[in-house]
Protein backbone atom coordinates (compact mmCIF):
# COMPACT_ATOMS: atom_id res chain seq x y z
CA UNK A 1 -120.09 20.79 4.95
CA UNK A 2 -117.73 23.54 4.56
CA UNK A 3 -114.58 24.29 6.92
CA UNK A 4 -116.16 27.45 8.50
CA UNK A 5 -119.27 25.53 9.37
CA UNK A 6 -117.03 22.68 11.10
CA UNK A 7 -115.08 25.22 12.96
CA UNK A 8 -118.32 27.10 14.14
CA UNK A 9 -119.75 23.81 15.06
CA UNK A 10 -116.51 22.66 17.01
CA UNK A 11 -116.11 25.81 18.96
CA UNK A 12 -117.48 26.27 22.52
CA UNK A 13 -118.21 29.19 24.50
CA UNK A 14 -115.39 30.67 26.68
CA UNK A 15 -117.26 29.81 30.04
CA UNK A 16 -117.44 26.15 29.24
CA UNK A 17 -113.75 25.93 28.31
CA UNK A 18 -112.79 27.53 31.68
CA UNK A 19 -115.16 25.07 33.55
CA UNK A 20 -113.53 22.02 31.88
CA UNK A 21 -110.04 23.47 32.78
CA UNK A 22 -110.88 23.88 36.59
CA UNK A 23 -112.37 20.20 36.55
CA UNK A 24 -109.21 18.78 35.16
CA UNK A 25 -107.00 20.69 37.77
CA UNK A 26 -109.15 19.33 40.75
CA UNK A 27 -108.80 15.82 39.22
CA UNK A 28 -105.01 16.32 39.16
CA UNK A 29 -104.82 17.60 42.69
CA UNK A 30 -106.81 14.62 44.07
CA UNK A 31 -104.49 12.17 42.07
CA UNK A 32 -101.48 13.86 43.66
CA UNK A 33 -103.02 13.89 47.12
CA UNK A 34 -103.83 10.27 46.79
CA UNK A 35 -100.37 9.40 45.47
CA UNK A 36 -98.78 11.16 48.36
CA UNK A 37 -100.97 9.35 50.96
CA UNK A 38 -100.02 6.21 49.32
CA UNK A 39 -96.04 6.96 49.39
CA UNK A 40 -96.40 8.00 52.94
CA UNK A 41 -98.24 4.81 53.93
CA UNK A 42 -95.75 2.67 51.95
CA UNK A 43 -92.83 4.60 53.72
CA UNK A 44 -94.20 3.72 57.12
CA UNK A 45 -94.60 0.08 56.19
CA UNK A 46 -91.12 0.20 54.81
CA UNK A 47 -89.76 1.66 57.94
CA UNK A 48 -91.60 -0.82 60.16
CA UNK A 49 -90.04 -3.76 57.96
CA UNK A 50 -86.51 -2.19 58.21
CA UNK A 51 -87.04 -1.93 62.07
CA UNK A 52 -88.04 -5.52 62.20
CA UNK A 53 -85.13 -6.60 59.93
CA UNK A 54 -82.70 -4.66 62.01
CA UNK A 55 -83.90 -6.27 65.45
CA UNK A 56 -83.95 -9.58 63.76
CA UNK A 57 -80.45 -9.09 62.27
CA UNK A 58 -79.20 -7.92 65.81
CA UNK A 59 -81.08 -10.76 67.73
CA UNK A 60 -79.58 -13.28 65.43
CA UNK A 61 -76.36 -12.52 66.89
CA UNK A 62 -77.60 -13.68 70.33
CA UNK A 63 -76.41 -17.08 70.98
CA UNK A 64 -76.55 -19.59 74.02
CA UNK A 65 -73.49 -21.66 75.28
CA UNK A 66 -74.91 -24.76 77.01
CA UNK A 67 -73.13 -26.39 80.01
CA UNK A 68 -70.82 -28.90 78.75
CA UNK A 69 -69.90 -26.89 75.53
CA UNK A 70 -66.91 -24.74 74.63
CA UNK A 71 -67.61 -21.93 72.11
CA UNK A 72 -65.15 -20.03 70.15
CA UNK A 73 -65.61 -16.50 68.67
CA UNK A 74 -64.37 -15.70 65.45
CA UNK A 75 -64.17 -12.34 63.57
CA UNK A 76 -63.72 -12.52 59.82
CA UNK A 77 -62.28 -16.05 60.53
CA UNK A 78 -59.83 -15.03 63.17
CA UNK A 79 -60.16 -16.32 66.64
CA UNK A 80 -60.95 -13.59 69.40
CA UNK A 81 -61.95 -15.44 72.59
CA UNK A 82 -63.59 -18.54 74.26
CA UNK A 83 -67.06 -18.04 75.43
CA UNK A 84 -68.34 -19.47 78.70
CA UNK A 85 -71.51 -21.13 79.01
CA UNK A 86 -74.40 -18.55 79.03
CA UNK A 87 -75.82 -15.98 76.44
CA UNK A 88 -73.49 -14.05 74.39
CA UNK A 89 -73.67 -11.52 71.66
CA UNK A 90 -71.72 -11.71 68.36
CA UNK A 91 -72.30 -10.13 64.83
CA UNK A 92 -74.08 -12.20 62.40
CA UNK A 93 -72.07 -13.70 59.59
CA UNK A 94 -69.95 -12.71 57.68
CA UNK A 95 -68.67 -10.44 60.57
CA UNK A 96 -68.67 -12.83 63.56
CA UNK A 97 -69.06 -16.49 63.75
CA UNK A 98 -69.43 -18.84 66.97
CA UNK A 99 -68.25 -22.34 66.85
CA UNK A 100 -69.74 -24.83 69.44
CA UNK A 101 -67.73 -27.64 70.45
CA UNK A 102 -69.13 -30.17 73.33
CA UNK A 103 -66.40 -31.26 75.60
CA UNK A 104 -68.59 -33.39 77.99
CA UNK A 105 -70.17 -35.61 75.33
CA UNK A 106 -68.21 -38.52 74.18
CA UNK A 107 -67.26 -39.35 70.74
CA UNK A 108 -66.46 -42.74 68.88
CA UNK A 109 -63.97 -43.62 66.49
CA UNK A 110 -63.80 -47.09 64.76
CA UNK A 111 -60.90 -48.60 63.07
CA UNK A 112 -61.76 -51.84 60.93
CA UNK A 113 -58.64 -51.63 58.72
CA UNK A 114 -57.53 -54.83 60.20
CA UNK A 115 -61.07 -56.48 59.91
CA UNK A 116 -63.30 -55.85 56.93
CA UNK A 117 -62.71 -56.34 53.46
CA UNK A 118 -62.59 -53.69 50.55
CA UNK A 119 -66.42 -54.51 50.03
CA UNK A 120 -66.95 -53.93 53.78
CA UNK A 121 -67.79 -57.54 54.26
CA UNK A 122 -66.85 -59.63 57.15
CA UNK A 123 -63.64 -61.60 57.00
CA UNK A 124 -63.75 -64.19 54.45
CA UNK A 125 -62.59 -67.88 54.35
CA UNK A 126 -59.24 -67.75 52.78
CA UNK A 127 -55.57 -69.42 53.34
CA UNK A 128 -54.01 -66.27 51.76
CA UNK A 129 -54.99 -62.51 51.93
CA UNK A 130 -54.76 -59.69 49.62
CA UNK A 131 -53.38 -56.55 51.06
CA UNK A 132 -55.76 -54.22 48.91
CA UNK A 133 -58.85 -56.26 49.68
CA UNK A 134 -58.57 -58.27 52.95
CA UNK A 135 -58.39 -56.61 56.22
CA UNK A 136 -56.08 -58.27 58.68
CA UNK A 137 -52.99 -57.40 61.04
CA UNK A 138 -49.83 -59.19 61.49
CA UNK A 139 -49.08 -60.65 65.17
CA UNK A 140 -45.71 -61.05 66.85
CA UNK A 141 -45.37 -64.54 66.02
CA UNK A 142 -45.99 -64.04 62.44
CA UNK A 143 -49.75 -65.09 62.03
CA UNK A 144 -52.55 -63.03 60.95
CA UNK A 145 -55.82 -62.01 62.69
CA UNK A 146 -58.79 -59.80 62.22
CA UNK A 147 -59.08 -56.86 64.70
CA UNK A 148 -61.63 -54.13 64.90
CA UNK A 149 -61.28 -51.47 67.62
CA UNK A 150 -63.65 -48.76 68.78
CA UNK A 151 -62.13 -45.99 70.79
CA UNK A 152 -64.57 -43.80 72.99
CA UNK A 153 -62.94 -40.48 74.13
CA UNK A 154 -63.75 -36.98 75.28
CA UNK A 155 -61.95 -33.67 74.92
CA UNK A 156 -60.39 -31.82 77.61
CA UNK A 157 -62.11 -28.98 79.24
CA UNK A 158 -59.69 -26.13 78.29
CA UNK A 159 -59.13 -23.28 75.77
CA UNK A 160 -56.20 -24.70 74.43
CA UNK A 161 -57.83 -27.99 73.92
CA UNK A 162 -60.77 -26.65 72.14
CA UNK A 163 -58.58 -24.24 69.81
CA UNK A 164 -56.42 -27.21 68.83
CA UNK A 165 -59.46 -29.49 68.11
CA UNK A 166 -61.08 -26.78 65.94
CA UNK A 167 -58.05 -25.25 64.29
CA UNK A 168 -54.92 -27.43 64.32
CA UNK A 169 -56.33 -30.08 61.91
CA UNK A 170 -58.14 -29.76 58.76
CA UNK A 171 -60.09 -32.93 59.60
CA UNK A 172 -59.76 -33.98 63.07
CA UNK A 173 -61.95 -37.21 62.55
CA UNK A 174 -59.50 -38.38 59.87
CA UNK A 175 -56.52 -37.74 62.08
CA UNK A 176 -57.95 -39.68 64.91
CA UNK A 177 -59.01 -42.49 62.76
CA UNK A 178 -55.64 -42.70 61.15
CA UNK A 179 -54.11 -42.66 64.62
CA UNK A 180 -56.39 -45.51 65.81
CA UNK A 181 -55.49 -47.49 62.68
CA UNK A 182 -51.77 -47.32 63.33
CA UNK A 183 -52.46 -47.92 66.88
CA UNK A 184 -53.94 -51.41 66.10
CA UNK A 185 -51.15 -52.47 64.00
CA UNK A 186 -48.77 -51.59 66.50
CA UNK A 187 -50.52 -53.35 69.20
CA UNK A 188 -51.15 -56.60 67.45
CA UNK A 189 -47.37 -56.69 66.70
CA UNK A 190 -46.68 -57.17 70.36
CA UNK A 191 -48.90 -60.29 70.93
CA UNK A 192 -49.10 -63.59 69.37
CA UNK A 193 -52.33 -64.80 67.71
CA UNK A 194 -53.32 -67.28 70.41
CA UNK A 195 -52.98 -64.42 72.86
CA UNK A 196 -54.95 -61.95 70.75
CA UNK A 197 -57.78 -64.59 70.18
CA UNK A 198 -57.97 -65.82 73.97
CA UNK A 199 -56.59 -63.84 77.01
CA UNK A 200 -54.59 -60.83 75.23
CA UNK A 201 -57.25 -58.47 74.77
CA UNK A 202 -56.54 -56.62 77.90
CA UNK A 203 -52.70 -56.11 76.61
CA UNK A 204 -54.15 -55.07 73.19
CA UNK A 205 -56.39 -52.57 74.73
CA UNK A 206 -53.46 -51.15 76.86
CA UNK A 207 -51.27 -51.07 73.86
CA UNK A 208 -53.63 -49.02 71.89
CA UNK A 209 -54.24 -46.76 74.55
CA UNK A 210 -50.74 -46.08 75.26
CA UNK A 211 -50.12 -45.68 71.46
CA UNK A 212 -52.97 -43.12 71.14
CA UNK A 213 -51.44 -41.35 74.05
CA UNK A 214 -48.09 -41.03 72.63
CA UNK A 215 -49.21 -40.06 69.03
CA UNK A 216 -52.25 -37.78 69.81
CA UNK A 217 -51.51 -36.37 73.22
CA UNK A 218 -47.71 -35.96 73.27
CA UNK A 219 -46.44 -35.76 69.86
CA UNK A 220 -49.48 -33.53 68.19
CA UNK A 221 -50.36 -32.15 71.61
CA UNK A 222 -54.05 -32.78 71.24
CA UNK A 223 -55.48 -33.16 74.83
CA UNK A 224 -58.14 -35.94 74.41
CA UNK A 225 -58.86 -38.59 77.06
CA UNK A 226 -59.59 -42.13 75.87
CA UNK A 227 -62.49 -43.52 78.29
CA UNK A 228 -62.61 -46.99 76.78
CA UNK A 229 -61.47 -49.26 73.95
CA UNK A 230 -63.55 -52.00 72.49
CA UNK A 231 -62.13 -54.99 70.66
CA UNK A 232 -63.26 -57.62 68.30
CA UNK A 233 -60.98 -60.20 67.57
CA UNK A 234 -61.21 -63.03 64.93
CA UNK A 235 -58.76 -65.48 63.51
CA UNK A 236 -58.93 -66.68 59.80
CA UNK A 237 -62.07 -68.59 59.16
CA UNK A 238 -59.99 -71.61 57.72
CA UNK A 239 -58.07 -72.13 61.03
CA UNK A 240 -60.92 -71.10 63.51
CA UNK A 241 -61.84 -74.72 64.36
CA UNK A 242 -58.30 -75.32 65.29
CA UNK A 243 -58.18 -72.30 67.55
CA UNK A 244 -61.52 -73.15 68.96
CA UNK A 245 -60.22 -76.79 69.75
CA UNK A 246 -57.10 -75.22 71.63
CA UNK A 247 -59.31 -72.93 73.39
CA UNK A 248 -61.69 -75.52 74.45
CA UNK A 249 -58.80 -77.67 75.82
CA UNK A 250 -57.21 -74.93 77.54
CA UNK A 251 -60.35 -73.99 79.19
CA UNK A 252 -60.92 -77.71 80.30
CA UNK A 253 -57.36 -77.65 81.70
CA UNK A 254 -57.89 -74.48 83.65
CA UNK A 255 -61.10 -75.93 85.17
CA UNK A 256 -59.29 -79.16 86.13
CA UNK A 257 -56.68 -77.06 87.68
CA UNK A 258 -59.27 -74.91 89.55
CA UNK A 259 -61.01 -78.02 90.73
CA UNK A 260 -57.86 -79.43 92.04
CA UNK A 261 -56.92 -76.15 93.85
CA UNK A 262 -60.25 -76.17 95.39
CA UNK A 263 -60.02 -79.71 96.62
CA UNK A 264 -56.52 -78.89 97.94
CA UNK A 265 -57.82 -75.95 99.79
CA UNK A 266 -60.41 -77.92 101.36
CA UNK A 267 -58.06 -80.74 102.50
CA UNK A 268 -55.75 -78.11 103.95
CA UNK A 269 -58.39 -76.33 105.51
CA UNK A 270 -59.75 -79.70 107.20
CA UNK A 271 -56.16 -80.36 108.12
CA UNK A 272 -55.68 -77.09 109.66
CA UNK A 273 -58.98 -77.51 111.59
CA UNK A 274 -57.94 -80.82 112.98
CA UNK A 275 -54.56 -79.50 113.95
CA UNK A 276 -56.23 -76.47 115.79
CA UNK A 277 -58.59 -79.03 117.66
CA UNK A 278 -55.34 -81.25 118.44
CA UNK A 279 -53.54 -78.23 119.55
CA UNK A 280 -56.26 -76.99 121.72
CA UNK A 281 -56.80 -80.36 123.40
CA UNK A 282 -53.08 -80.49 123.98
CA UNK A 283 -53.16 -76.96 125.46
CA UNK A 284 -56.03 -77.80 127.71
CA UNK A 285 -54.34 -80.95 129.05
CA UNK A 286 -51.17 -78.96 129.47
CA UNK A 287 -53.11 -76.28 131.51
CA UNK A 288 -54.81 -78.82 133.50
CA UNK A 289 -51.64 -80.71 134.40
CA UNK A 290 -49.67 -77.33 135.09
CA UNK A 291 -52.68 -76.42 137.44
CA UNK A 292 -52.41 -79.82 139.21
CA UNK A 293 -48.66 -79.59 139.49
CA UNK A 294 -48.91 -76.14 140.78
CA UNK A 295 -51.55 -77.32 143.38
CA UNK A 296 -49.55 -80.08 144.47
CA UNK A 297 -46.53 -77.87 144.87
CA UNK A 298 -48.36 -75.48 146.89
CA UNK A 299 -49.79 -78.34 148.92
CA UNK A 300 -46.23 -79.65 149.77
CA UNK A 301 -45.03 -76.11 150.15
CA UNK A 302 -47.85 -75.60 152.97
CA UNK A 303 -47.20 -79.19 154.57
CA UNK A 304 -43.34 -78.76 154.68
CA UNK A 305 -43.22 -76.94 158.11
CA UNK A 306 -45.23 -79.63 159.47
CA UNK A 307 -42.93 -82.51 158.29
CA UNK A 308 -40.07 -80.52 159.50
CA UNK A 309 -41.32 -80.51 163.06
CA UNK A 310 -42.40 -83.97 163.37
CA UNK A 311 -41.42 -86.21 160.38
CA UNK A 312 -42.67 -89.44 161.83
CA UNK A 313 -46.03 -88.31 162.68
CA UNK A 314 -46.36 -86.45 159.49
CA UNK A 315 -45.40 -89.64 157.56
CA UNK A 316 -48.05 -91.79 159.61
CA UNK A 317 -50.71 -89.07 159.03
CA UNK A 318 -50.02 -89.36 155.31
CA UNK A 319 -50.15 -93.10 155.36
CA UNK A 320 -53.25 -93.02 157.19
CA UNK A 321 -54.96 -90.62 154.67
CA UNK A 322 -53.73 -92.65 151.77
CA UNK A 323 -55.08 -95.93 153.24
CA UNK A 324 -58.36 -94.27 153.75
CA UNK A 325 -58.58 -93.37 150.14
CA UNK A 326 -57.12 -96.86 149.05
CA UNK A 327 -59.27 -98.97 151.43
CA UNK A 328 -62.46 -96.92 150.91
CA UNK A 329 -64.31 -99.48 148.62
CA UNK A 330 -61.93 -102.43 149.38
CA UNK A 331 -63.45 -105.98 149.83
CA UNK A 332 -60.52 -107.94 151.07
CA UNK A 333 -57.82 -105.96 152.89
CA UNK A 334 -54.41 -107.39 153.72
CA UNK A 335 -52.33 -104.77 155.64
CA UNK A 336 -49.03 -105.13 157.61
CA UNK A 337 -48.60 -102.53 160.27
CA UNK A 338 -45.48 -102.03 162.27
CA UNK A 339 -43.64 -105.04 163.09
CA UNK A 340 -46.33 -107.17 164.03
CA UNK A 341 -48.32 -108.58 160.92
CA UNK A 342 -52.01 -107.89 160.93
CA UNK A 343 -54.75 -109.19 158.63
CA UNK A 344 -57.82 -107.13 158.49
CA UNK A 345 -60.84 -109.05 157.00
CA UNK A 346 -64.04 -107.27 156.25
CA UNK A 347 -65.35 -109.46 153.51
CA UNK A 348 -69.30 -109.44 153.12
CA UNK A 349 -70.67 -112.82 153.52
CA UNK A 350 -71.97 -114.11 150.24
CA UNK A 351 -75.65 -115.08 150.14
CA UNK A 352 -76.16 -118.73 149.37
CA UNK A 353 -77.35 -119.69 146.09
CA UNK A 354 -80.69 -121.33 145.85
CA UNK A 355 -81.46 -124.14 143.88
CA UNK A 356 -84.39 -124.22 141.54
CA UNK A 357 -87.76 -124.47 143.42
CA UNK A 358 -86.22 -123.55 146.78
CA UNK A 359 -87.72 -120.83 149.02
CA UNK A 360 -85.24 -118.60 150.69
């Protein structure tokens, strides 16, 4: 096929060419419209997401401080103010930061530097201790004991206390742990080994509390309040039976002393009761005698005028009254009256005794 024929065959009428051009323009316009609508929808979705993200970003800065908590507001790492319990707003990190510190909740710090071994085991049976391995403390009498102390404390509810607790120390837990270790060593040096093992725990606790107050509260101005100190004291395992035997003997001695004191108290109470009974009886007898003497004195006082008017008649009347009382139940009466002796006999005749078989 020649080139002309190909050109003639490939050529189209002008009407058909114009129609094809219009069709392509319509398709391009539809595509542009669809793309525009898609972009508009995408922009709407993006705006919605941006609004949601903005709300979430702002809402994340709302924080709640509960009762019993203290909160510190920081801006770029610098302290701004303390937040009271309630809802507060702060810009999210890295702009603002809210640090919450519970002040009512108690915390525990345990010191076992004088108790556990380097392998965190219980004290081992040994007659010599290695400072780098065995945990022990020296007592005031030069002996060794194992002491484990637990301190329960709370933070004082004040802005300065919270600021110091958060910013004054790089690691407040390590500081308090070190202070408690030092307090344990210091307190054990003030008691003997036997006191620490038996009756000296109260003194140990008080010494530890005082040492914590001196080091933490006074020297470092950290206002914490120690609620309770709990101690576990053990003597070296090799000498524990001897300590136990001494403790048993001391306990038996105290029991016997207590029993003797109780018996002595019982005896004293009984004696005091008897003394009160005797004293009460003597007081009653004294009151009775005093009443009798007072009555007789009164009687004599009343009879004195009669005696003074006629002593002889008064004496005879007294003698007669006395004889009536004396001779009331008398069987035989011998009575001398005046100058002439007289004998009054009022014996009741005795009934004759009957022999056996006789009839009265």
